[in-house]
Amino acid sequence: MTSSQAVDQNPALTELDARASRDLTKAAEGAGPRSVTDMPLREAVEAAMRRYFDHLDGGTVTDLHAMVIAEVEAPLLASVLEHAQGNQTRAAEMLGLNRGTLRKKLKHYGLI
């Protein structure tokens, strides 16, 4: 089972993920004191994780690393591929991946 399947099968995690996504969207739109678009990536991740843990409200979570990586990797791949204008060889070079590995990941996330 992949981490995204684990999240999909756990209603509590699905709701928490949805709340975190909404919070991140609101912050990106400038609803918070500092817009996510103004934050370095590290700070944006830290802020998102703080919100995620606040929303847990004492609940437990497992396989957090895999869940976060899956949530971050898909948009990373999509953004780099778009920047490379669909050129997978160039995108793989930018990411420091073998082209075959990139293709496998793109297929995994349904990006090709």
PDB file of N, CA and C in Angstrom:
ATOM      1  N   MET A   1       0.852  -1.173   0.000  1.00  0.00           N
ATOM      2  CA  MET A   1       0.000   0.000   0.000  1.00  0.00           C
ATOM      3  C   MET A   1       0.898   1.236   0.000  1.00  0.00           C
ATOM      4  N   THR A   2       0.591   2.195  -0.850  1.00  0.00           N
ATOM      5  CA  THR A   2       1.375   3.423  -0.895  1.00  0.00           C
ATOM      6  C   THR A   2       0.905   4.355   0.215  1.00  0.00           C
ATOM      7  N   SER A   3       1.711   5.373   0.516  1.00  0.00           N
ATOM      8  CA  SER A   3       1.347   6.310   1.570  1.00  0.00           C
ATOM      9  C   SER A   3       0.076   7.065   1.216  1.00  0.00           C
ATOM     10  N   SER A   4      -0.113   7.393  -0.066  1.00  0.00           N
ATOM     11  CA  SER A   4      -1.326   8.112  -0.442  1.00  0.00           C
ATOM     12  C   SER A   4      -2.550   7.217  -0.286  1.00  0.00           C
ATOM     13  N   GLN A   5      -2.398   5.911  -0.523  1.00  0.00           N
ATOM     14  CA  GLN A   5      -3.510   4.992  -0.294  1.00  0.00           C
ATOM     15  C   GLN A   5      -3.815   4.898   1.195  1.00  0.00           C
ATOM     16  N   ALA A   6      -2.772   4.904   2.032  1.00  0.00           N
ATOM     17  CA  ALA A   6      -2.970   4.850   3.476  1.00  0.00           C
ATOM     18  C   ALA A   6      -3.745   6.071   3.946  1.00  0.00           C
ATOM     19  N   VAL A   7      -3.416   7.240   3.415  1.00  0.00           N
ATOM     20  CA  VAL A   7      -4.121   8.458   3.783  1.00  0.00           C
ATOM     21  C   VAL A   7      -5.557   8.390   3.311  1.00  0.00           C
ATOM     22  N   ASP A   8      -5.779   7.917   2.075  1.00  0.00           N
ATOM     23  CA  ASP A   8      -7.127   7.820   1.527  1.00  0.00           C
ATOM     24  C   ASP A   8      -8.005   6.877   2.345  1.00  0.00           C
ATOM     25  N   GLN A   9      -7.414   5.855   2.944  1.00  0.00           N
ATOM     26  CA  GLN A   9      -8.179   4.875   3.699  1.00  0.00           C
ATOM     27  C   GLN A   9      -8.406   5.301   5.145  1.00  0.00           C
ATOM     28  N   ASN A  10      -7.765   6.363   5.607  1.00  0.00           N
ATOM     29  CA  ASN A  10      -7.926   6.832   6.967  1.00  0.00           C
ATOM     30  C   ASN A  10      -8.690   8.152   6.924  1.00  0.00           C
ATOM     31  N   PRO A  11      -9.992   8.130   7.268  1.00  0.00           N
ATOM     32  CA  PRO A  11     -10.799   9.348   7.162  1.00  0.00           C
ATOM     33  C   PRO A  11     -10.249  10.507   7.985  1.00  0.00           C
ATOM     34  N   ALA A  12      -9.680  10.226   9.154  1.00  0.00           N
ATOM     35  CA  ALA A  12      -9.136  11.298   9.990  1.00  0.00           C
ATOM     36  C   ALA A  12      -7.971  11.987   9.291  1.00  0.00           C
ATOM     37  N   LEU A  13      -7.087  11.197   8.683  1.00  0.00           N
ATOM     38  CA  LEU A  13      -5.957  11.785   7.982  1.00  0.00           C
ATOM     39  C   LEU A  13      -6.411  12.530   6.735  1.00  0.00           C
ATOM     40  N   THR A  14      -7.420  11.999   6.049  1.00  0.00           N
ATOM     41  CA  THR A  14      -7.949  12.664   4.864  1.00  0.00           C
ATOM     42  C   THR A  14      -8.506  14.034   5.237  1.00  0.00           C
ATOM     43  N   GLU A  15      -9.265  14.107   6.333  1.00  0.00           N
ATOM     44  CA  GLU A  15      -9.821  15.382   6.782  1.00  0.00           C
ATOM     45  C   GLU A  15      -8.715  16.338   7.213  1.00  0.00           C
ATOM     46  N   LEU A  16      -7.730  15.829   7.942  1.00  0.00           N
ATOM     47  CA  LEU A  16      -6.616  16.670   8.370  1.00  0.00           C
ATOM     48  C   LEU A  16      -5.853  17.209   7.168  1.00  0.00           C
ATOM     49  N   ASP A  17      -5.654  16.354   6.169  1.00  0.00           N
ATOM     50  CA  ASP A  17      -4.962  16.779   4.953  1.00  0.00           C
ATOM     51  C   ASP A  17      -5.767  17.863   4.242  1.00  0.00           C
ATOM     52  N   ALA A  18      -7.079  17.679   4.192  1.00  0.00           N
ATOM     53  CA  ALA A  18      -7.934  18.677   3.548  1.00  0.00           C
ATOM     54  C   ALA A  18      -7.872  20.001   4.304  1.00  0.00           C
ATOM     55  N   ARG A  19      -7.914  19.948   5.633  1.00  0.00           N
ATOM     56  CA  ARG A  19      -7.818  21.178   6.435  1.00  0.00           C
ATOM     57  C   ARG A  19      -6.477  21.861   6.220  1.00  0.00           C
ATOM     58  N   ALA A  20      -5.416  21.068   6.237  1.00  0.00           N
ATOM     59  CA  ALA A  20      -4.080  21.642   6.041  1.00  0.00           C
ATOM     60  C   ALA A  20      -3.983  22.289   4.663  1.00  0.00           C
ATOM     61  N   SER A  21      -4.555  21.647   3.650  1.00  0.00           N
ATOM     62  CA  SER A  21      -4.547  22.218   2.301  1.00  0.00           C
ATOM     63  C   SER A  21      -5.311  23.526   2.252  1.00  0.00           C
ATOM     64  N   ARG A  22      -6.480  23.568   2.913  1.00  0.00           N
ATOM     65  CA  ARG A  22      -7.264  24.801   2.952  1.00  0.00           C
ATOM     66  C   ARG A  22      -6.494  25.903   3.672  1.00  0.00           C
ATOM     67  N   ASP A  23      -5.867  25.539   4.803  1.00  0.00           N
ATOM     68  CA  ASP A  23      -5.088  26.525   5.557  1.00  0.00           C
ATOM     69  C   ASP A  23      -3.930  27.056   4.720  1.00  0.00           C
ATOM     70  N   LEU A  24      -3.270  26.157   4.001  1.00  0.00           N
ATOM     71  CA  LEU A  24      -2.147  26.572   3.170  1.00  0.00           C
ATOM     72  C   LEU A  24      -2.619  27.490   2.048  1.00  0.00           C
ATOM     73  N   THR A  25      -3.781  27.183   1.474  1.00  0.00           N
ATOM     74  CA  THR A  25      -4.350  28.027   0.422  1.00  0.00           C
ATOM     75  C   THR A  25      -4.693  29.407   0.970  1.00  0.00           C
ATOM     76  N   LYS A  26      -5.321  29.446   2.147  1.00  0.00           N
ATOM     77  CA  LYS A  26      -5.649  30.735   2.765  1.00  0.00           C
ATOM     78  C   LYS A  26      -4.390  31.540   3.030  1.00  0.00           C
ATOM     79  N   ALA A  27      -3.365  30.876   3.537  1.00  0.00           N
ATOM     80  CA  ALA A  27      -2.110  31.580   3.819  1.00  0.00           C
ATOM     81  C   ALA A  27      -1.487  32.089   2.523  1.00  0.00           C
ATOM     82  N   ALA A  28      -1.567  31.295   1.474  1.00  0.00           N
ATOM     83  CA  ALA A  28      -1.003  31.705   0.188  1.00  0.00           C
ATOM     84  C   ALA A  28      -1.748  32.904  -0.389  1.00  0.00           C
ATOM     85  N   GLU A  29      -3.026  33.010  -0.031  1.00  0.00           N
ATOM     86  CA  GLU A  29      -3.825  34.138  -0.510  1.00  0.00           C
ATOM     87  C   GLU A  29      -3.637  35.378   0.355  1.00  0.00           C
ATOM     88  N   GLY A  30      -2.770  35.265   1.356  1.00  0.00           N
ATOM     89  CA  GLY A  30      -2.478  36.428   2.188  1.00  0.00           C
ATOM     90  C   GLY A  30      -3.363  36.566   3.401  1.00  0.00           C
ATOM     91  N   ALA A  31      -4.112  35.529   3.785  1.00  0.00           N
ATOM     92  CA  ALA A  31      -5.007  35.620   4.926  1.00  0.00           C
ATOM     93  C   ALA A  31      -4.254  35.634   6.259  1.00  0.00           C
ATOM     94  N   GLY A  32      -3.022  35.158   6.263  1.00  0.00           N
ATOM     95  CA  GLY A  32      -2.242  35.106   7.492  1.00  0.00           C
ATOM     96  C   GLY A  32      -1.318  36.298   7.595  1.00  0.00           C
ATOM     97  N   PRO A  33      -0.585  36.370   8.712  1.00  0.00           N
ATOM     98  CA  PRO A  33       0.312  37.490   8.898  1.00  0.00           C
ATOM     99  C   PRO A  33       1.450  37.524   7.877  1.00  0.00           C
ATOM    100  N   ARG A  34       1.848  36.362   7.383  1.00  0.00           N
ATOM    101  CA  ARG A  34       2.903  36.293   6.377  1.00  0.00           C
ATOM    102  C   ARG A  34       2.475  35.288   5.322  1.00  0.00           C
ATOM    103  N   SER A  35       2.405  35.726   4.104  1.00  0.00           N
ATOM    104  CA  SER A  35       1.966  34.874   3.010  1.00  0.00           C
ATOM    105  C   SER A  35       2.991  33.781   2.750  1.00  0.00           C
ATOM    106  N   VAL A  36       2.501  32.584   2.447  1.00  0.00           N
ATOM    107  CA  VAL A  36       3.384  31.475   2.122  1.00  0.00           C
ATOM    108  C   VAL A  36       4.247  31.815   0.914  1.00  0.00           C
ATOM    109  N   THR A  37       3.699  32.616   0.015  1.00  0.00           N
ATOM    110  CA  THR A  37       4.466  32.979  -1.171  1.00  0.00           C
ATOM    111  C   THR A  37       5.674  33.836  -0.824  1.00  0.00           C
ATOM    112  N   ASP A  38       5.661  34.446   0.362  1.00  0.00           N
ATOM    113  CA  ASP A  38       6.792  35.246   0.810  1.00  0.00           C
ATOM    114  C   ASP A  38       7.783  34.429   1.629  1.00  0.00           C
ATOM    115  N   MET A  39       7.429  33.197   1.969  1.00  0.00           N
ATOM    116  CA  MET A  39       8.261  32.359   2.824  1.00  0.00           C
ATOM    117  C   MET A  39       9.219  31.517   2.012  1.00  0.00           C
ATOM    118  N   PRO A  40      10.414  31.310   2.537  1.00  0.00           N
ATOM    119  CA  PRO A  40      11.274  30.281   1.948  1.00  0.00           C
ATOM    120  C   PRO A  40      10.577  28.920   2.107  1.00  0.00           C
ATOM    121  N   LEU A  41      10.898  27.990   1.241  1.00  0.00           N
ATOM    122  CA  LEU A  41      10.257  26.675   1.253  1.00  0.00           C
ATOM    123  C   LEU A  41      10.336  26.029   2.633  1.00  0.00           C
ATOM    124  N   ARG A  42      11.506  26.092   3.266  1.00  0.00           N
ATOM    125  CA  ARG A  42      11.689  25.482   4.589  1.00  0.00           C
ATOM    126  C   ARG A  42      10.671  26.031   5.593  1.00  0.00           C
ATOM    127  N   GLU A  43      10.480  27.347   5.607  1.00  0.00           N
ATOM    128  CA  GLU A  43       9.537  27.950   6.544  1.00  0.00           C
ATOM    129  C   GLU A  43       8.097  27.569   6.211  1.00  0.00           C
ATOM    130  N   ALA A  44       7.775  27.485   4.929  1.00  0.00           N
ATOM    131  CA  ALA A  44       6.426  27.091   4.528  1.00  0.00           C
ATOM    132  C   ALA A  44       6.120  25.667   4.979  1.00  0.00           C
ATOM    133  N   VAL A  45       7.104  24.780   4.847  1.00  0.00           N
ATOM    134  CA  VAL A  45       6.912  23.393   5.292  1.00  0.00           C
ATOM    135  C   VAL A  45       6.750  23.349   6.809  1.00  0.00           C
ATOM    136  N   GLU A  46       7.599  24.087   7.521  1.00  0.00           N
ATOM    137  CA  GLU A  46       7.491  24.117   8.984  1.00  0.00           C
ATOM    138  C   GLU A  46       6.125  24.637   9.423  1.00  0.00           C
ATOM    139  N   ALA A  47       5.639  25.699   8.778  1.00  0.00           N
ATOM    140  CA  ALA A  47       4.330  26.257   9.124  1.00  0.00           C
ATOM    141  C   ALA A  47       3.218  25.255   8.828  1.00  0.00           C
ATOM    142  N   ALA A  48       3.302  24.578   7.682  1.00  0.00           N
ATOM    143  CA  ALA A  48       2.292  23.581   7.329  1.00  0.00           C
ATOM    144  C   ALA A  48       2.300  22.418   8.320  1.00  0.00           C
ATOM    145  N   MET A  49       3.487  22.002   8.745  1.00  0.00           N
ATOM    146  CA  MET A  49       3.565  20.888   9.701  1.00  0.00           C
ATOM    147  C   MET A  49       3.038  21.308  11.070  1.00  0.00           C
ATOM    148  N   ARG A  50       3.296  22.540  11.493  1.00  0.00           N
ATOM    149  CA  ARG A  50       2.744  23.025  12.768  1.00  0.00           C
ATOM    150  C   ARG A  50       1.220  23.007  12.715  1.00  0.00           C
ATOM    151  N   ARG A  51       0.654  23.495  11.587  1.00  0.00           N
ATOM    152  CA  ARG A  51      -0.807  23.470  11.442  1.00  0.00           C
ATOM    153  C   ARG A  51      -1.327  22.040  11.438  1.00  0.00           C
ATOM    154  N   TYR A  52      -0.635  21.165  10.762  1.00  0.00           N
ATOM    155  CA  TYR A  52      -1.051  19.762  10.698  1.00  0.00           C
ATOM    156  C   TYR A  52      -1.109  19.166  12.096  1.00  0.00           C
ATOM    157  N   PHE A  53      -0.056  19.385  12.891  1.00  0.00           N
ATOM    158  CA  PHE A  53      -0.034  18.829  14.245  1.00  0.00           C
ATOM    159  C   PHE A  53      -1.070  19.496  15.137  1.00  0.00           C
ATOM    160  N   ASP A  54      -1.314  20.778  14.953  1.00  0.00           N
ATOM    161  CA  ASP A  54      -2.367  21.453  15.713  1.00  0.00           C
ATOM    162  C   ASP A  54      -3.726  20.837  15.412  1.00  0.00           C
ATOM    163  N   HIS A  55      -3.955  20.482  14.156  1.00  0.00           N
ATOM    164  CA  HIS A  55      -5.238  19.893  13.754  1.00  0.00           C
ATOM    165  C   HIS A  55      -5.388  18.449  14.213  1.00  0.00           C
ATOM    166  N   LEU A  56      -4.284  17.789  14.530  1.00  0.00           N
ATOM    167  CA  LEU A  56      -4.374  16.417  15.037  1.00  0.00           C
ATOM    168  C   LEU A  56      -5.131  16.381  16.349  1.00  0.00           C
ATOM    169  N   ASP A  57      -4.979  17.439  17.140  1.00  0.00           N
ATOM    170  CA  ASP A  57      -5.699  17.566  18.407  1.00  0.00           C
ATOM    171  C   ASP A  57      -5.578  16.300  19.253  1.00  0.00           C
ATOM    172  N   GLY A  58      -4.336  15.838  19.411  1.00  0.00           N
ATOM    173  CA  GLY A  58      -4.091  14.673  20.238  1.00  0.00           C
ATOM    174  C   GLY A  58      -4.199  13.350  19.501  1.00  0.00           C
ATOM    175  N   GLY A  59      -4.640  13.379  18.268  1.00  0.00           N
ATOM    176  CA  GLY A  59      -4.740  12.146  17.483  1.00  0.00           C
ATOM    177  C   GLY A  59      -3.355  11.622  17.140  1.00  0.00           C
ATOM    178  N   THR A  60      -3.311  10.406  16.676  1.00  0.00           N
ATOM    179  CA  THR A  60      -2.037   9.810  16.300  1.00  0.00           C
ATOM    180  C   THR A  60      -1.914   9.774  14.783  1.00  0.00           C
ATOM    181  N   VAL A  61      -0.692   9.703  14.339  1.00  0.00           N
ATOM    182  CA  VAL A  61      -0.426   9.624  12.913  1.00  0.00           C
ATOM    183  C   VAL A  61       0.730   8.652  12.712  1.00  0.00           C
ATOM    184  N   THR A  62       0.696   7.906  11.632  1.00  0.00           N
ATOM    185  CA  THR A  62       1.784   6.997  11.285  1.00  0.00           C
ATOM    186  C   THR A  62       2.159   7.236   9.829  1.00  0.00           C
ATOM    187  N   ASP A  63       3.341   6.831   9.478  1.00  0.00           N
ATOM    188  CA  ASP A  63       3.823   6.936   8.100  1.00  0.00           C
ATOM    189  C   ASP A  63       3.824   8.381   7.600  1.00  0.00           C
ATOM    190  N   LEU A  64       4.120   9.313   8.512  1.00  0.00           N
ATOM    191  CA  LEU A  64       4.088  10.726   8.187  1.00  0.00           C
ATOM    192  C   LEU A  64       5.111  11.092   7.122  1.00  0.00           C
ATOM    193  N   HIS A  65       6.298  10.517   7.195  1.00  0.00           N
ATOM    194  CA  HIS A  65       7.339  10.838   6.222  1.00  0.00           C
ATOM    195  C   HIS A  65       6.874  10.515   4.805  1.00  0.00           C
ATOM    196  N   ALA A  66       6.356   9.327   4.613  1.00  0.00           N
ATOM    197  CA  ALA A  66       5.895   8.919   3.283  1.00  0.00           C
ATOM    198  C   ALA A  66       4.752   9.802   2.798  1.00  0.00           C
ATOM    199  N   MET A  67       3.856  10.183   3.713  1.00  0.00           N
ATOM    200  CA  MET A  67       2.724  11.019   3.337  1.00  0.00           C
ATOM    201  C   MET A  67       3.221  12.400   2.877  1.00  0.00           C
ATOM    202  N   VAL A  68       4.135  12.991   3.631  1.00  0.00           N
ATOM    203  CA  VAL A  68       4.635  14.318   3.281  1.00  0.00           C
ATOM    204  C   VAL A  68       5.414  14.267   1.971  1.00  0.00           C
ATOM    205  N   ILE A  69       6.264  13.261   1.820  1.00  0.00           N
ATOM    206  CA  ILE A  69       7.041  13.140   0.580  1.00  0.00           C
ATOM    207  C   ILE A  69       6.108  13.008  -0.619  1.00  0.00           C
ATOM    208  N   ALA A  70       5.069  12.196  -0.499  1.00  0.00           N
ATOM    209  CA  ALA A  70       4.124  12.028  -1.609  1.00  0.00           C
ATOM    210  C   ALA A  70       3.412  13.340  -1.923  1.00  0.00           C
ATOM    211  N   GLU A  71       3.063  14.115  -0.889  1.00  0.00           N
ATOM    212  CA  GLU A  71       2.377  15.380  -1.098  1.00  0.00           C
ATOM    213  C   GLU A  71       3.280  16.422  -1.751  1.00  0.00           C
ATOM    214  N   VAL A  72       4.566  16.362  -1.462  1.00  0.00           N
ATOM    215  CA  VAL A  72       5.508  17.349  -1.992  1.00  0.00           C
ATOM    216  C   VAL A  72       6.062  16.924  -3.345  1.00  0.00           C
ATOM    217  N   GLU A  73       6.296  15.628  -3.519  1.00  0.00           N
ATOM    218  CA  GLU A  73       6.958  15.150  -4.733  1.00  0.00           C
ATOM    219  C   GLU A  73       6.122  15.371  -5.991  1.00  0.00           C
ATOM    220  N   ALA A  74       4.841  15.108  -5.932  1.00  0.00           N
ATOM    221  CA  ALA A  74       3.998  15.247  -7.129  1.00  0.00           C
ATOM    222  C   ALA A  74       4.010  16.676  -7.672  1.00  0.00           C
ATOM    223  N   PRO A  75       3.746  17.713  -6.852  1.00  0.00           N
ATOM    224  CA  PRO A  75       3.796  19.060  -7.413  1.00  0.00           C
ATOM    225  C   PRO A  75       5.204  19.489  -7.815  1.00  0.00           C
ATOM    226  N   LEU A  76       6.219  18.970  -7.135  1.00  0.00           N
ATOM    227  CA  LEU A  76       7.598  19.265  -7.531  1.00  0.00           C
ATOM    228  C   LEU A  76       7.862  18.751  -8.942  1.00  0.00           C
ATOM    229  N   LEU A  77       7.511  17.494  -9.180  1.00  0.00           N
ATOM    230  CA  LEU A  77       7.726  16.901 -10.503  1.00  0.00           C
ATOM    231  C   LEU A  77       6.939  17.643 -11.573  1.00  0.00           C
ATOM    232  N   ALA A  78       5.685  17.952 -11.268  1.00  0.00           N
ATOM    233  CA  ALA A  78       4.842  18.653 -12.242  1.00  0.00           C
ATOM    234  C   ALA A  78       5.416  20.033 -12.570  1.00  0.00           C
ATOM    235  N   SER A  79       5.870  20.750 -11.557  1.00  0.00           N
ATOM    236  CA  SER A  79       6.418  22.092 -11.770  1.00  0.00           C
ATOM    237  C   SER A  79       7.700  22.057 -12.584  1.00  0.00           C
ATOM    238  N   VAL A  80       8.579  21.123 -12.254  1.00  0.00           N
ATOM    239  CA  VAL A  80       9.843  21.032 -12.987  1.00  0.00           C
ATOM    240  C   VAL A  80       9.591  20.607 -14.423  1.00  0.00           C
ATOM    241  N   LEU A  81       8.689  19.662 -14.629  1.00  0.00           N
ATOM    242  CA  LEU A  81       8.370  19.224 -15.992  1.00  0.00           C
ATOM    243  C   LEU A  81       7.769  20.375 -16.797  1.00  0.00           C
ATOM    244  N   GLU A  82       6.920  21.161 -16.169  1.00  0.00           N
ATOM    245  CA  GLU A  82       6.350  22.321 -16.857  1.00  0.00           C
ATOM    246  C   GLU A  82       7.451  23.333 -17.191  1.00  0.00           C
ATOM    247  N   HIS A  83       8.340  23.579 -16.242  1.00  0.00           N
ATOM    248  CA  HIS A  83       9.441  24.516 -16.477  1.00  0.00           C
ATOM    249  C   HIS A  83      10.338  24.034 -17.625  1.00  0.00           C
ATOM    250  N   ALA A  84      10.506  22.710 -17.702  1.00  0.00           N
ATOM    251  CA  ALA A  84      11.328  22.122 -18.773  1.00  0.00           C
ATOM    252  C   ALA A  84      10.524  21.960 -20.062  1.00  0.00           C
ATOM    253  N   GLN A  85       9.332  22.514 -20.103  1.00  0.00           N
ATOM    254  CA  GLN A  85       8.446  22.469 -21.266  1.00  0.00           C
ATOM    255  C   GLN A  85       8.202  21.037 -21.744  1.00  0.00           C
ATOM    256  N   GLY A  86       8.019  20.127 -20.783  1.00  0.00           N
ATOM    257  CA  GLY A  86       7.713  18.739 -21.099  1.00  0.00           C
ATOM    258  C   GLY A  86       8.915  17.891 -21.455  1.00  0.00           C
ATOM    259  N   ASN A  87      10.094  18.471 -21.481  1.00  0.00           N
ATOM    260  CA  ASN A  87      11.302  17.727 -21.830  1.00  0.00           C
ATOM    261  C   ASN A  87      11.752  16.916 -20.608  1.00  0.00           C
ATOM    262  N   GLN A  88      11.488  15.612 -20.649  1.00  0.00           N
ATOM    263  CA  GLN A  88      11.785  14.762 -19.508  1.00  0.00           C
ATOM    264  C   GLN A  88      13.275  14.620 -19.234  1.00  0.00           C
ATOM    265  N   THR A  89      14.079  14.624 -20.271  1.00  0.00           N
ATOM    266  CA  THR A  89      15.529  14.527 -20.084  1.00  0.00           C
ATOM    267  C   THR A  89      16.028  15.749 -19.322  1.00  0.00           C
ATOM    268  N   ARG A  90      15.584  16.913 -19.744  1.00  0.00           N
ATOM    269  CA  ARG A  90      15.990  18.151 -19.066  1.00  0.00           C
ATOM    270  C   ARG A  90      15.453  18.186 -17.634  1.00  0.00           C
ATOM    271  N   ALA A  91      14.207  17.774 -17.442  1.00  0.00           N
ATOM    272  CA  ALA A  91      13.610  17.753 -16.100  1.00  0.00           C
ATOM    273  C   ALA A  91      14.386  16.797 -15.189  1.00  0.00           C
ATOM    274  N   ALA A  92      14.749  15.631 -15.708  1.00  0.00           N
ATOM    275  CA  ALA A  92      15.513  14.666 -14.918  1.00  0.00           C
ATOM    276  C   ALA A  92      16.858  15.250 -14.502  1.00  0.00           C
ATOM    277  N   GLU A  93      17.499  15.943 -15.429  1.00  0.00           N
ATOM    278  CA  GLU A  93      18.783  16.584 -15.107  1.00  0.00           C
ATOM    279  C   GLU A  93      18.610  17.633 -14.026  1.00  0.00           C
ATOM    280  N   MET A  94      17.561  18.441 -14.130  1.00  0.00           N
ATOM    281  CA  MET A  94      17.305  19.478 -13.132  1.00  0.00           C
ATOM    282  C   MET A  94      17.078  18.866 -11.750  1.00  0.00           C
ATOM    283  N   LEU A  95      16.394  17.740 -11.715  1.00  0.00           N
ATOM    284  CA  LEU A  95      16.069  17.077 -10.449  1.00  0.00           C
ATOM    285  C   LEU A  95      17.209  16.209  -9.918  1.00  0.00           C
ATOM    286  N   GLY A  96      18.191  15.942 -10.765  1.00  0.00           N
ATOM    287  CA  GLY A  96      19.273  15.048 -10.351  1.00  0.00           C
ATOM    288  C   GLY A  96      18.847  13.598 -10.345  1.00  0.00           C
ATOM    289  N   LEU A  97      17.902  13.262 -11.225  1.00  0.00           N
ATOM    290  CA  LEU A  97      17.383  11.900 -11.330  1.00  0.00           C
ATOM    291  C   LEU A  97      17.750  11.302 -12.678  1.00  0.00           C
ATOM    292  N   ASN A  98      17.775   9.987 -12.710  1.00  0.00           N
ATOM    293  CA  ASN A  98      17.874   9.261 -13.970  1.00  0.00           C
ATOM    294  C   ASN A  98      16.548   9.454 -14.697  1.00  0.00           C
ATOM    295  N   ARG A  99      16.563   9.559 -16.015  1.00  0.00           N
ATOM    296  CA  ARG A  99      15.331   9.768 -16.769  1.00  0.00           C
ATOM    297  C   ARG A  99      14.320   8.644 -16.533  1.00  0.00           C
ATOM    298  N   GLY A 100      14.812   7.418 -16.420  1.00  0.00           N
ATOM    299  CA  GLY A 100      13.915   6.286 -16.151  1.00  0.00           C
ATOM    300  C   GLY A 100      13.234   6.413 -14.791  1.00  0.00           C
ATOM    301  N   THR A 101      13.991   6.882 -13.805  1.00  0.00           N
ATOM    302  CA  THR A 101      13.421   7.085 -12.473  1.00  0.00           C
ATOM    303  C   THR A 101      12.361   8.176 -12.519  1.00  0.00           C
ATOM    304  N   LEU A 102      12.647   9.240 -13.259  1.00  0.00           N
ATOM    305  CA  LEU A 102      11.666  10.315 -13.395  1.00  0.00           C
ATOM    306  C   LEU A 102      10.392   9.784 -14.039  1.00  0.00           C
ATOM    307  N   ARG A 103      10.525   9.022 -15.108  1.00  0.00           N
ATOM    308  CA  ARG A 103       9.338   8.478 -15.790  1.00  0.00           C
ATOM    309  C   ARG A 103       8.524   7.592 -14.838  1.00  0.00           C
ATOM    310  N   LYS A 104       9.212   6.781 -14.058  1.00  0.00           N
ATOM    311  CA  LYS A 104       8.518   5.912 -13.089  1.00  0.00           C
ATOM    312  C   LYS A 104       7.723   6.752 -12.093  1.00  0.00           C
ATOM    313  N   LYS A 105       8.329   7.812 -11.597  1.00  0.00           N
ATOM    314  CA  LYS A 105       7.650   8.690 -10.640  1.00  0.00           C
ATOM    315  C   LYS A 105       6.482   9.433 -11.301  1.00  0.00           C
ATOM    316  N   LEU A 106       6.684   9.909 -12.526  1.00  0.00           N
ATOM    317  CA  LEU A 106       5.610  10.595 -13.238  1.00  0.00           C
ATOM    318  C   LEU A 106       4.413   9.669 -13.433  1.00  0.00           C
ATOM    319  N   LYS A 107       4.669   8.427 -13.782  1.00  0.00           N
ATOM    320  CA  LYS A 107       3.587   7.456 -13.950  1.00  0.00           C
ATOM    321  C   LYS A 107       2.907   7.181 -12.624  1.00  0.00           C
ATOM    322  N   HIS A 108       3.698   7.058 -11.555  1.00  0.00           N
ATOM    323  CA  HIS A 108       3.161   6.776 -10.217  1.00  0.00           C
ATOM    324  C   HIS A 108       2.151   7.849  -9.805  1.00  0.00           C
ATOM    325  N   TYR A 109       2.454   9.104 -10.103  1.00  0.00           N
ATOM    326  CA  TYR A 109       1.585  10.213  -9.712  1.00  0.00           C
ATOM    327  C   TYR A 109       0.576  10.573 -10.798  1.00  0.00           C
ATOM    328  N   GLY A 110       0.543   9.800 -11.885  1.00  0.00           N
ATOM    329  CA  GLY A 110      -0.430  10.050 -12.946  1.00  0.00           C
ATOM    330  C   GLY A 110      -0.148  11.333 -13.711  1.00  0.00           C
ATOM    331  N   LEU A 111       1.124  11.686 -13.813  1.00  0.00           N
ATOM    332  CA  LEU A 111       1.489  12.924 -14.502  1.00  0.00           C
ATOM    333  C   LEU A 111       1.809  12.677 -15.982  1.00  0.00           C
ATOM    334  N   ILE A 112       1.897  11.429 -16.389  1.00  0.00           N
ATOM    335  CA  ILE A 112       2.039  11.089 -17.809  1.00  0.00           C
ATOM    336  C   ILE A 112       1.163   9.895 -18.113  1.00  0.00           C
TER     337      ILE A 112
END
